Protein backbone atom coordinates (compact mmCIF):
# COMPACT_ATOMS: atom_id res chain seq x y z
CA MET A 1 -24.16 44.70 -86.81
CA PRO A 2 -24.94 47.98 -85.13
CA ARG A 3 -26.17 47.74 -81.59
CA ALA A 4 -29.77 49.06 -81.04
CA GLU A 5 -30.10 51.85 -78.56
CA PRO A 6 -32.62 51.22 -75.79
CA LEU A 7 -35.84 53.20 -76.07
CA ALA A 8 -36.09 56.20 -73.91
CA SER A 9 -38.53 55.69 -71.13
CA ALA A 10 -41.55 58.15 -71.07
CA PRO A 11 -41.01 60.96 -68.53
CA ARG A 12 -42.81 60.38 -65.39
CA ALA A 13 -45.50 62.91 -64.41
CA ALA A 14 -44.48 65.10 -61.69
CA PRO A 15 -46.23 64.42 -58.41
CA ARG A 16 -49.29 66.51 -57.86
CA ALA A 17 -49.08 69.10 -55.29
CA GLY A 18 -51.42 68.60 -52.32
CA ARG A 19 -54.82 70.06 -53.27
CA ALA A 20 -56.09 72.73 -50.80
CA PRO A 21 -59.27 71.72 -49.06
CA ARG A 22 -62.44 73.31 -50.63
CA LEU A 23 -64.03 75.75 -48.42
CA PRO A 24 -67.85 75.47 -48.09
CA SER A 25 -69.75 77.55 -50.53
CA LEU A 26 -71.23 80.72 -48.97
CA LEU A 27 -73.97 81.00 -51.62
CA PRO A 28 -76.67 79.05 -49.65
CA TRP A 29 -75.97 81.12 -46.60
CA LEU A 30 -76.12 84.31 -48.45
CA SER A 31 -79.34 83.36 -50.29
CA CYS A 32 -80.98 82.47 -46.94
CA SER A 33 -79.63 85.42 -45.00
CA PRO A 34 -82.49 87.91 -45.72
CA ALA A 35 -85.15 85.36 -44.55
CA LEU A 36 -82.90 84.43 -41.59
CA LEU A 37 -82.45 88.04 -40.56
CA LEU A 38 -86.16 88.66 -40.83
CA TYR A 39 -86.91 85.67 -38.74
CA VAL A 40 -84.37 86.60 -36.14
CA GLY A 41 -85.48 90.19 -36.00
CA LEU A 42 -89.29 89.64 -35.97
CA PHE A 43 -89.64 86.36 -33.95
CA CYS A 44 -86.47 85.32 -32.03
CA ILE A 45 -85.62 88.75 -30.58
CA PRO A 46 -89.10 89.62 -29.42
CA VAL A 47 -89.54 86.06 -27.88
CA LEU A 48 -86.32 86.46 -26.02
CA MET A 49 -87.33 89.88 -24.78
CA VAL A 50 -90.69 88.50 -23.53
CA PHE A 51 -88.80 85.57 -21.89
CA ALA A 52 -86.54 88.00 -20.00
CA LEU A 53 -89.42 90.18 -19.04
CA SER A 54 -91.20 87.25 -17.41
CA PHE A 55 -88.44 87.05 -14.76
CA ARG A 56 -88.63 90.74 -13.76
CA ALA A 57 -90.31 91.90 -10.48
CA PHE A 58 -93.49 93.96 -10.52
CA ASP A 59 -94.58 96.37 -7.82
CA ILE A 60 -98.41 96.32 -7.67
CA ASN A 61 -98.58 99.50 -5.61
CA THR A 62 -96.61 101.65 -7.97
CA GLY A 63 -97.30 99.72 -11.22
CA THR A 64 -93.51 99.67 -12.05
CA ILE A 65 -91.34 96.89 -13.34
CA GLY A 66 -88.26 96.22 -11.33
CA SER A 67 -84.82 94.97 -12.29
CA ASP A 68 -84.68 92.09 -9.82
CA PHE A 69 -84.58 88.53 -11.17
CA THR A 70 -87.53 86.50 -9.77
CA VAL A 71 -89.56 83.46 -10.62
CA SER A 72 -92.63 84.61 -8.61
CA ARG A 73 -94.68 85.05 -11.74
CA TYR A 74 -94.34 81.41 -12.66
CA ILE A 75 -95.02 80.29 -9.07
CA GLU A 76 -98.20 82.35 -8.99
CA ILE A 77 -99.45 80.84 -12.25
CA VAL A 78 -98.87 77.27 -11.07
CA SER A 79 -100.29 77.82 -7.70
CA ASP A 80 -103.28 79.92 -8.65
CA PRO A 81 -106.52 77.79 -9.36
CA TYR A 82 -107.75 80.51 -11.70
CA PHE A 83 -104.80 80.11 -14.08
CA ARG A 84 -105.02 76.39 -13.95
CA GLU A 85 -108.54 76.65 -15.00
CA VAL A 86 -107.64 78.94 -17.89
CA PHE A 87 -104.92 76.51 -19.17
CA LEU A 88 -107.28 73.49 -18.83
CA ARG A 89 -110.08 75.40 -20.64
CA THR A 90 -107.63 76.28 -23.47
CA LEU A 91 -106.59 72.71 -23.73
CA GLY A 92 -110.11 71.36 -23.75
CA ILE A 93 -111.35 73.87 -26.35
CA SER A 94 -108.29 73.16 -28.55
CA LEU A 95 -108.84 69.39 -28.49
CA LEU A 96 -112.55 69.74 -29.15
CA VAL A 97 -112.00 72.17 -32.05
CA THR A 98 -109.38 69.75 -33.51
CA PHE A 99 -111.75 66.81 -33.32
CA LEU A 100 -114.69 68.65 -34.81
CA ALA A 101 -112.48 70.09 -37.57
CA VAL A 102 -111.17 66.71 -38.51
CA ILE A 103 -114.49 64.88 -38.60
CA THR A 104 -115.96 67.80 -40.59
CA GLY A 105 -113.05 68.60 -42.96
CA THR A 106 -112.04 64.98 -43.87
CA PRO A 107 -115.32 64.02 -45.50
CA GLU A 108 -115.49 67.45 -47.23
CA ALA A 109 -112.15 66.98 -48.77
CA TYR A 110 -113.01 63.39 -49.88
CA ILE A 111 -116.25 64.45 -51.39
CA LEU A 112 -114.62 67.38 -53.22
CA ASN A 113 -111.93 65.07 -54.72
CA ARG A 114 -114.68 62.81 -56.13
CA MET A 115 -116.55 65.81 -57.73
CA LYS A 116 -116.28 66.57 -61.47
CA ALA A 117 -115.52 69.97 -62.94
CA PRO A 118 -116.95 72.63 -62.62
CA TRP A 119 -118.63 71.71 -59.39
CA ARG A 120 -115.41 70.79 -57.78
CA SER A 121 -113.83 74.26 -58.27
CA ILE A 122 -117.07 75.97 -57.12
CA PHE A 123 -117.51 74.03 -53.88
CA LEU A 124 -113.69 74.06 -53.22
CA LEU A 125 -113.87 77.86 -53.41
CA ALA A 126 -116.84 77.90 -51.10
CA VAL A 127 -114.94 75.78 -48.51
CA LEU A 128 -111.73 77.71 -48.77
CA GLY A 129 -113.62 81.06 -48.96
CA PRO A 130 -113.40 81.88 -45.30
CA LEU A 131 -109.52 82.05 -45.64
CA LEU A 132 -109.96 85.04 -47.92
CA VAL A 133 -111.75 86.99 -45.20
CA SER A 134 -110.20 88.48 -42.03
CA VAL A 135 -110.71 86.29 -38.99
CA VAL A 136 -112.19 89.33 -37.16
CA VAL A 137 -114.92 89.77 -39.88
CA ARG A 138 -115.79 86.10 -39.65
CA THR A 139 -115.96 86.19 -35.84
CA LEU A 140 -118.17 89.24 -35.88
CA GLY A 141 -120.48 87.41 -38.32
CA TRP A 142 -120.72 84.61 -35.78
CA ALA A 143 -121.53 87.17 -33.05
CA ILE A 144 -124.37 88.43 -35.09
CA ILE A 145 -125.71 84.78 -35.68
CA LEU A 146 -125.23 83.68 -31.99
CA GLY A 147 -126.23 86.96 -30.20
CA ASN A 148 -129.30 87.23 -28.06
CA ASN A 149 -131.14 88.97 -30.86
CA GLY A 150 -129.27 87.07 -33.46
CA LEU A 151 -130.45 84.66 -36.21
CA LEU A 152 -130.54 81.54 -34.11
CA SER A 153 -132.36 83.06 -31.16
CA SER A 154 -134.94 84.69 -33.49
CA ALA A 155 -135.46 81.50 -35.43
CA ALA A 156 -135.82 79.48 -32.19
CA ALA A 157 -138.43 81.94 -30.91
CA TRP A 158 -140.30 82.04 -34.18
CA LEU A 159 -140.53 78.14 -34.20
CA GLY A 160 -141.71 78.16 -30.53
CA LEU A 161 -138.54 76.18 -29.49
CA SER A 162 -137.52 78.90 -26.97
CA ASP A 163 -139.14 81.61 -24.90
CA GLY A 164 -136.02 83.82 -24.82
CA PRO A 165 -132.44 84.11 -26.10
CA LEU A 166 -130.60 80.92 -26.41
CA GLY A 167 -127.63 82.31 -24.51
CA LEU A 168 -125.01 81.00 -26.94
CA MET A 169 -123.02 84.15 -27.08
CA PHE A 170 -120.05 84.65 -24.55
CA SER A 171 -119.80 80.85 -23.96
CA ASN A 172 -117.45 77.94 -24.68
CA THR A 173 -119.95 76.81 -27.37
CA ALA A 174 -119.54 80.12 -29.27
CA ILE A 175 -115.72 79.96 -29.07
CA VAL A 176 -115.71 76.36 -30.37
CA VAL A 177 -118.10 77.22 -33.28
CA GLY A 178 -116.01 80.15 -34.34
CA LEU A 179 -112.70 78.41 -34.15
CA VAL A 180 -114.12 75.30 -36.05
CA HIS A 181 -115.29 77.63 -38.81
CA VAL A 182 -111.72 79.04 -39.07
CA SER A 183 -110.00 75.56 -38.77
CA VAL A 184 -112.05 73.43 -41.29
CA PRO A 185 -110.46 74.90 -44.40
CA LEU A 186 -106.99 73.99 -42.97
CA ILE A 187 -107.95 70.34 -42.58
CA VAL A 188 -109.50 70.37 -46.17
CA ILE A 189 -106.16 71.73 -47.61
CA SER A 190 -104.16 69.10 -45.72
CA VAL A 191 -106.29 66.15 -46.65
CA TRP A 192 -106.76 67.43 -50.20
CA THR A 193 -102.96 67.35 -50.55
CA SER A 194 -102.84 63.68 -49.52
CA LEU A 195 -105.75 62.82 -51.86
CA GLN A 196 -103.70 64.05 -54.76
CA LYS A 197 -101.32 61.19 -54.27
CA TYR A 198 -104.19 58.70 -53.70
CA ASP A 199 -104.12 55.56 -55.89
CA SER A 200 -107.69 55.23 -57.00
CA THR A 201 -107.07 51.89 -58.73
CA THR A 202 -107.01 50.08 -55.35
CA GLU A 203 -110.39 51.52 -54.59
CA ARG A 204 -111.83 50.37 -57.90
CA ALA A 205 -110.28 46.87 -57.35
CA ALA A 206 -111.87 46.53 -54.01
CA LEU A 207 -115.28 47.57 -55.28
CA SER A 208 -115.03 45.10 -58.16
CA LEU A 209 -114.31 42.38 -55.60
CA GLY A 210 -117.63 43.07 -53.72
CA ALA A 211 -116.37 45.48 -50.92
CA SER A 212 -118.87 48.15 -49.81
CA GLU A 213 -118.18 51.91 -50.10
CA ILE A 214 -117.77 52.17 -46.27
CA THR A 215 -115.36 49.29 -46.20
CA VAL A 216 -113.29 50.71 -49.00
CA PHE A 217 -113.13 54.07 -47.25
CA LEU A 218 -112.17 52.62 -43.88
CA LYS A 219 -109.77 49.94 -45.05
CA ILE A 220 -108.20 51.56 -48.17
CA THR A 221 -108.86 55.25 -48.52
CA LEU A 222 -108.48 56.34 -44.86
CA PRO A 223 -105.02 54.75 -44.32
CA GLN A 224 -103.70 56.60 -47.47
CA ILE A 225 -104.91 59.99 -46.21
CA VAL A 226 -103.67 59.57 -42.64
CA PRO A 227 -100.71 61.71 -43.13
CA GLY A 228 -102.82 64.63 -44.25
CA ILE A 229 -105.34 64.21 -41.40
CA LEU A 230 -102.62 64.00 -38.73
CA SER A 231 -100.66 66.89 -40.13
CA GLY A 232 -103.74 69.14 -40.31
CA ALA A 233 -104.85 68.16 -36.86
CA LEU A 234 -101.46 69.42 -35.43
CA VAL A 235 -101.78 72.73 -37.19
CA VAL A 236 -105.37 73.18 -36.05
CA PHE A 237 -104.63 72.37 -32.45
CA CYS A 238 -101.69 74.77 -32.28
CA LEU A 239 -103.67 77.54 -33.92
CA ALA A 240 -106.63 76.97 -31.68
CA ALA A 241 -104.57 77.03 -28.53
CA SER A 242 -102.96 80.42 -29.43
CA ALA A 243 -106.06 81.96 -31.01
CA PHE A 244 -106.92 85.39 -29.68
CA ALA A 245 -109.49 87.29 -31.79
CA THR A 246 -112.15 84.55 -31.84
CA PRO A 247 -112.11 83.77 -28.03
CA ALA A 248 -111.91 87.45 -27.17
CA LEU A 249 -114.97 88.42 -29.37
CA LEU A 250 -117.12 85.29 -28.74
CA GLY A 251 -116.00 84.53 -25.26
CA GLY A 252 -116.31 88.00 -23.85
CA ARG A 253 -114.99 88.97 -20.40
CA SER A 254 -116.30 85.95 -18.61
CA ILE A 255 -114.78 83.17 -20.65
CA LYS A 256 -110.91 83.37 -20.48
CA VAL A 257 -108.32 81.37 -22.48
CA VAL A 258 -104.55 81.85 -22.14
CA SER A 259 -104.30 84.36 -24.98
CA THR A 260 -107.04 86.58 -23.59
CA ALA A 261 -105.49 86.38 -20.12
CA VAL A 262 -102.25 87.57 -21.51
CA SER A 263 -103.98 90.48 -23.05
CA ASP A 264 -105.61 91.28 -19.76
CA GLU A 265 -102.36 91.34 -17.86
CA PHE A 266 -100.63 93.46 -20.41
CA LEU A 267 -103.50 95.96 -21.16
CA GLY A 268 -105.69 95.70 -18.06
CA THR A 269 -103.61 95.27 -14.90
CA LEU A 270 -100.39 96.32 -16.58
CA ASP A 271 -98.63 93.44 -14.99
CA TRP A 272 -96.34 92.84 -17.85
CA PRO A 273 -94.10 90.18 -16.30
CA LEU A 274 -97.18 88.04 -15.43
CA GLY A 275 -98.52 88.43 -18.95
CA ALA A 276 -95.09 87.55 -20.28
CA ALA A 277 -94.91 84.43 -18.05
CA LEU A 278 -98.27 83.39 -19.33
CA ALA A 279 -97.20 83.82 -22.95
CA VAL A 280 -93.98 81.94 -22.35
CA LEU A 281 -95.76 78.94 -20.68
CA LEU A 282 -98.26 78.89 -23.70
CA LEU A 283 -95.44 78.87 -26.09
CA VAL A 284 -93.54 76.18 -24.20
CA LEU A 285 -96.61 73.93 -23.78
CA ASN A 286 -97.67 74.34 -27.35
CA THR A 287 -94.14 73.40 -28.56
CA LEU A 288 -93.90 70.45 -26.27
CA ILE A 289 -97.26 69.06 -27.28
CA GLY A 290 -96.48 69.66 -30.98
CA VAL A 291 -93.11 68.00 -30.82
CA SER A 292 -94.27 65.12 -28.78
CA TYR A 293 -97.33 64.60 -31.08
CA ASN A 294 -95.13 64.74 -34.20
CA ALA A 295 -92.65 62.19 -32.71
CA PHE A 296 -95.46 59.81 -31.76
CA VAL A 297 -97.07 60.08 -35.12
CA GLN A 298 -93.73 59.55 -36.97
CA ARG A 299 -93.07 56.47 -34.92
CA ARG A 300 -96.60 55.04 -34.94
CA PHE A 301 -97.45 55.74 -38.60
CA LYS A 302 -93.99 55.81 -40.20
CA GLU A 303 -95.16 53.53 -42.97
CA ALA A 304 -98.00 55.93 -43.96
CA PHE A 305 -95.45 58.96 -44.22
CA LYS A 306 -93.22 57.16 -46.71
């Protein structure tokens, strides 16, 4: 009987050569490079130049900027009661504007969300309309209203409530009013965004169980729109602290905030290093407050931001 030959074993695959490590794709970097270059050129480089300028010496007799490195500008700001008052006034106005904008804009956004078409679109356009107009134009409008011969003073005199001008112009009150008018639409947009994710079924369930409208708003609605309120408040505070046009036009020469003090040093006394130091301190304080606030909010209300 013939002997069977053993089956030939299948040839083994040759071992794979070591695969070269993949290089990271450059496409994301290339797509972001125009915006990155624009950001570096229009923000980072000017900020670094202002930061370097703040450490230069200034000769008040000749009005020239020296090349020596000095921190005297920062020491002058910290030790001078005038600049401490300016920073405290800026902080107080920013906090008051943020508070008034929140308590004004939050109910507006809530009411707008409950409106039906076409009234919702009409009133939303009326609320957001100031964003379509230049801040200078809006501020000049308030100057006409709050001026000594403006609408409020004339109305108060006609009603017999005042014997003369109300004196609202060139005051802290005028600055707060102007900044609140500018800031309320920002709060409305922020809260409106949160309301788009609002679950209205919980509200109807609470009302069906006998809860009042106020209880439903405080216990159910408000916790769900907290992220929008907190985010909008941070934006309003930062913008109010660094605002220039409104404080300059409504505050005049007598009421100074940090931004107008910077303008005075650059354009008035020509002490550019001092103005640069004021601008750097404002930027640093604004950044520290914003980062600290955001960290506290994220830690304290982390469930609401999920």
